[in-house]
Structure formats: C-alpha cells, structure tokens
Amino acid sequence: MMRIVNLGRTGLFVVMQGGALASLGGRSHWSSADEARRAAQAANASVSDFVVRTAS
C-alpha cells in the first residue's frame, strides 16, 4: 500500500511505497494530497487514507 507524505517545509506531497519515492503518471510530487490520491487511483494503486506530515 502506498502512503502520501506531506513534505512540511515545501508544502509538496509525494507518494511513498516501501520507503521509496513512487512515480505515478510520470510525476513524483503534487501540490495537494487530493491530487496525489487521484494519481494513485488513476494508476490503480491502493493508497492509505492517512497523510504523513513531516516536521519543518
């Protein structure tokens, strides 16, 4: 299962799978969790409902 991570200081969102940055649809970062979730759904990948937020 993939996990959405908010990179606190930058405000960007990435998707991680097994501790590695995932690329979905040719992208590796998004401006919102919803965009990242839609990209995962378009790739037919399961994604966690929880968003991990990193410290500043």
C-alpha atoms as a PDB file:
ATOM      1  CA  MET A   1       0.000   0.000   0.000  1.00  0.00           C
ATOM      2  CA  MET A   2       1.243   3.463  -0.879  1.00  0.00           C
ATOM      3  CA  ARG A   3       1.449   6.296   1.592  1.00  0.00           C
ATOM      4  CA  ILE A   4       1.016  10.015   0.910  1.00  0.00           C
ATOM      5  CA  VAL A   5       3.603  12.208   2.636  1.00  0.00           C
ATOM      6  CA  ASN A   6       3.399  15.980   3.075  1.00  0.00           C
ATOM      7  CA  LEU A   7       6.878  17.498   2.971  1.00  0.00           C
ATOM      8  CA  GLY A   8       6.146  20.110   5.626  1.00  0.00           C
ATOM      9  CA  ARG A   9       8.515  22.918   4.749  1.00  0.00           C
ATOM     10  CA  THR A  10       7.950  22.780   0.988  1.00  0.00           C
ATOM     11  CA  GLY A  11       4.220  22.131   1.123  1.00  0.00           C
ATOM     12  CA  LEU A  12       4.571  19.445  -1.546  1.00  0.00           C
ATOM     13  CA  PHE A  13       3.079  15.968  -1.393  1.00  0.00           C
ATOM     14  CA  VAL A  14       4.816  12.778  -2.512  1.00  0.00           C
ATOM     15  CA  VAL A  15       3.777   9.143  -2.601  1.00  0.00           C
ATOM     16  CA  MET A  16       5.968   6.534  -0.930  1.00  0.00           C
ATOM     17  CA  GLN A  17       5.892   2.798  -1.475  1.00  0.00           C
ATOM     18  CA  GLY A  18       8.020   0.550   0.692  1.00  0.00           C
ATOM     19  CA  GLY A  19      10.125   3.500   1.847  1.00  0.00           C
ATOM     20  CA  ALA A  20      10.912   4.666  -1.695  1.00  0.00           C
ATOM     21  CA  LEU A  21       9.573   7.627  -3.629  1.00  0.00           C
ATOM     22  CA  ALA A  22       6.996   6.489  -6.176  1.00  0.00           C
ATOM     23  CA  SER A  23       6.419   7.972  -9.600  1.00  0.00           C
ATOM     24  CA  LEU A  24       2.806   7.995 -10.786  1.00  0.00           C
ATOM     25  CA  GLY A  25       1.898   9.087 -14.267  1.00  0.00           C
ATOM     26  CA  GLY A  26       5.402  10.452 -14.743  1.00  0.00           C
ATOM     27  CA  ARG A  27       5.195  12.708 -11.675  1.00  0.00           C
ATOM     28  CA  SER A  28       6.817  12.393  -8.279  1.00  0.00           C
ATOM     29  CA  HIS A  29       5.244  15.329  -6.398  1.00  0.00           C
ATOM     30  CA  TRP A  30       1.906  17.152  -6.199  1.00  0.00           C
ATOM     31  CA  SER A  31       0.587  20.354  -4.653  1.00  0.00           C
ATOM     32  CA  SER A  32      -2.181  18.630  -2.663  1.00  0.00           C
ATOM     33  CA  ALA A  33      -2.977  15.290  -1.085  1.00  0.00           C
ATOM     34  CA  ASP A  34      -6.098  15.035  -3.261  1.00  0.00           C
ATOM     35  CA  GLU A  35      -4.006  15.333  -6.435  1.00  0.00           C
ATOM     36  CA  ALA A  36      -1.640  12.628  -5.190  1.00  0.00           C
ATOM     37  CA  ARG A  37      -4.589  10.397  -4.272  1.00  0.00           C
ATOM     38  CA  ARG A  38      -6.169  10.848  -7.712  1.00  0.00           C
ATOM     39  CA  ALA A  39      -2.848   9.969  -9.382  1.00  0.00           C
ATOM     40  CA  ALA A  40      -2.633   6.777  -7.322  1.00  0.00           C
ATOM     41  CA  GLN A  41      -6.214   5.870  -8.177  1.00  0.00           C
ATOM     42  CA  ALA A  42      -5.538   6.502 -11.895  1.00  0.00           C
ATOM     43  CA  ALA A  43      -2.576   4.105 -11.611  1.00  0.00           C
ATOM     44  CA  ASN A  44      -4.907   1.577  -9.943  1.00  0.00           C
ATOM     45  CA  ALA A  45      -2.738   1.592  -6.804  1.00  0.00           C
ATOM     46  CA  SER A  46      -4.048   1.335  -3.256  1.00  0.00           C
ATOM     47  CA  VAL A  47      -3.197   4.306  -1.082  1.00  0.00           C
ATOM     48  CA  SER A  48      -3.575   4.851   2.656  1.00  0.00           C
ATOM     49  CA  ASP A  49      -6.298   7.203   3.900  1.00  0.00           C
ATOM     50  CA  PHE A  50      -3.798   8.831   6.264  1.00  0.00           C
ATOM     51  CA  VAL A  51      -1.371  11.554   5.205  1.00  0.00           C
ATOM     52  CA  VAL A  52       2.006  11.539   6.934  1.00  0.00           C
ATOM     53  CA  ARG A  53       3.300  15.036   7.688  1.00  0.00           C
ATOM     54  CA  THR A  54       6.994  15.670   8.115  1.00  0.00           C
ATOM     55  CA  ALA A  55       8.302  18.239  10.559  1.00  0.00           C
ATOM     56  CA  SER A  56       9.571  21.547   9.206  1.00  0.00           C
END
